[in-house]
Structures are given as structure tokens and as C-alpha cells.
Amino acid sequence: MIPTLVLVSILTFIIIQLPPGDFMTSLASMAAETGSGADEDAMNNMRRQYGLDRPIYVQYLKWASGIAMRGDLGYSFEWKKPVSELIVGRLGFTLLLSLLSLVFMWAVAVPIGVYSATHQYSLGDTFLTFLGFLGLSVPDFMLGLAYLFIGGIVFGMSVGGLFSSGMEDLSWNLAKVGDALKHLIWPTIILGAGGTAQLIRIMRGNLLEVLGQQFITTARAKGLKEATVTNKYAVRVAINPLISVMGMQLPNLISGATILGIVLTLPTTGPMFLRSLINQDMYLAGSFLLFLSLMLMIGNLLADVALAWADPRIRYE
């Protein structure tokens, strides 16, 4: 993971630097749009102050050494604050939304997948299969836009953001916590919709295969109830591939939470990350990419550990 993270940091820093100009160029463009103009000497002085006039490898080494030696992620030019003060809350909320969506996916997908497999080709199975394909084909941001339209315009609900109007500045109490949870329900469902549909299809296919194996036939021949055969033996084996898929779902959830945050104006990494890319605030954008990559790698590691714990057959001796 460490060499991968180093490689990711190098590539992201190079990619961020590819557009022509730097933050000072973006600042001058914004000043020109407002008609205030920009002092070229002041811009050059700020470039020297922040080291933007140095070669790209010098800028990278300064940033990377600060992270490795002091845990210093750099300084945000636009916000005029250390990057660490800006991203901690955003990353935490992105991870929270992703984990809530993961729990929702499993809580919904496993029972529905079991039902579809044990009621193969029934009306319920056909309907759930249709919903599964629908969930796989509609992207998260489209569902978010539909939620904004239906909830905000049709039903007059408070949509977008984490709190209702007037609740942001209040101190934390039960009313504010309840309001935040109310605003989290639909983003959680929207973010988990595509993954839920995928897990339903995987669970259904795996369980159908397991139910046709010899040890299931033996369990039935011993007179065990069908519910016991299915839930105690078949589901326990069929669920293992879902743990492997979980390692691939977490990256999709984190990236989806980033995009959904832009659509629904949630305090995820999305809005601030997009703004840092547009304004070429390189240390802020690079730190976001670095930590998102770290979260993805940790997610894959945890999925591997969970799979080894759930299925002793794959453990290394």
C-alpha cells in the first residue's frame, strides 16, 4: 500500500499541474472578470512566497516531505488555511455517507437476493430483477437530480444540504441531529441504489448455484427444514463472493459520494475538491486525491481481511 500511495501522490501532483498556469493565474482571471484587475508584481511576489515559481519536482518534494516528516498537507491558497483544517470534516462525512450506503446495500440486497433465488421466475423475482436492472442503469447523479426535482418542487421538501434552512447555526441538540438524519436518508439510498442492484444479482446467482450442490441435497435428505437448509448452509456459502465485491464497491461509493455531494450540496469532499481543481489550489486538490486513494486501499484491505475471516479455505498457512 505504501509504494502505491507514493505513486498515486506523484501522478496526482503531475495531473494537477498539467493545466496551464497556477492558482495566481486563476486569481488574476477572477479579478479580471470582476473588473478589479490584478497587480502583476503582487502576483509574482505571491508565487515566490508559496514556491510556485520553483520546478514541479521541487514543489512535490516540499509537499511530500512535509507530509512524511510533520504530517503537514500544505497550505490552501484560496482558503488561506492549512489543508488539514479544511479536509478532515469533509473526508469524515464522505466516509460516513459511504459506510451508511454500504450498510443499506447489504441490509437490502441479501434478503432480496435470497428471496429471488428461492422463488426463481416468480412474479416477485421478475419484478425485483427489473428493479435491479433499473438501479444498475441509472447513475447516482441522475437519481440525485430526480430527488431534487421530485422532493423540492413536487412535494416541497427541504432537499439539498445537510440541514434545513435556519438549522445550520444552531448548537447541536436532538432536533438538529434528527434534521441531519432526515437529510441523510435519501442520499444514502441514492448512493447505494446501484450497488444494491448489483449485490442482489450476485447473491441470487450465487445462491442458485449453491442450492444445486450435493451437500444441500444431502441436508434435505436428512430431513432438515428448507429454511434451515437455505439460511444456515446455503446462504453462508453464497455470501462469501459478496465480501469480495465489497472491496470493489467501497471505491464506487466514495467516488459516488464525491459527485453526489456536488449535486446535493452536501459537505462531502466533492464541492470543495471540484473548486480546488478549477482554481488550481494544488495542495488542497492533491491532499483530497491522496486521502481518497488511501481510503480506497484501506477498504480493499478490510475486504480481504473480512473474506479470510469468513472463509477459512482461502487463508494462507
Foldseek 3Di string as FASTA:
>chain_A
DVVVLVVLLVVLLVVLCPDPDALLVLVQVVCVVVPNGDDPVVSVVVCVVQVVVPDSVVVSVVQVCCCVPPVFLGAFPVVRGGLVVVAPVQAVVLVVLLVLLVVVLVVQQQVLLLVCQVQPPDPSVVVLLVQLVVLQVDALLNVLVVCCCCQCPVVNHQFFEQARPPLPPDDDDPVSVVRNVVRSVVSSCSLNSNVSSVSSVQLNVLLNVQCPDDVLVVCVVVPDDPVCSRPVPSSLVSCLVVLQVQLVVSLSSSVSSLSSCVSRVYSHVNPVLVVCSVSNSSSNNSVVSSVSVVVSVVSNVVSVVVSCVSDVVPDDD
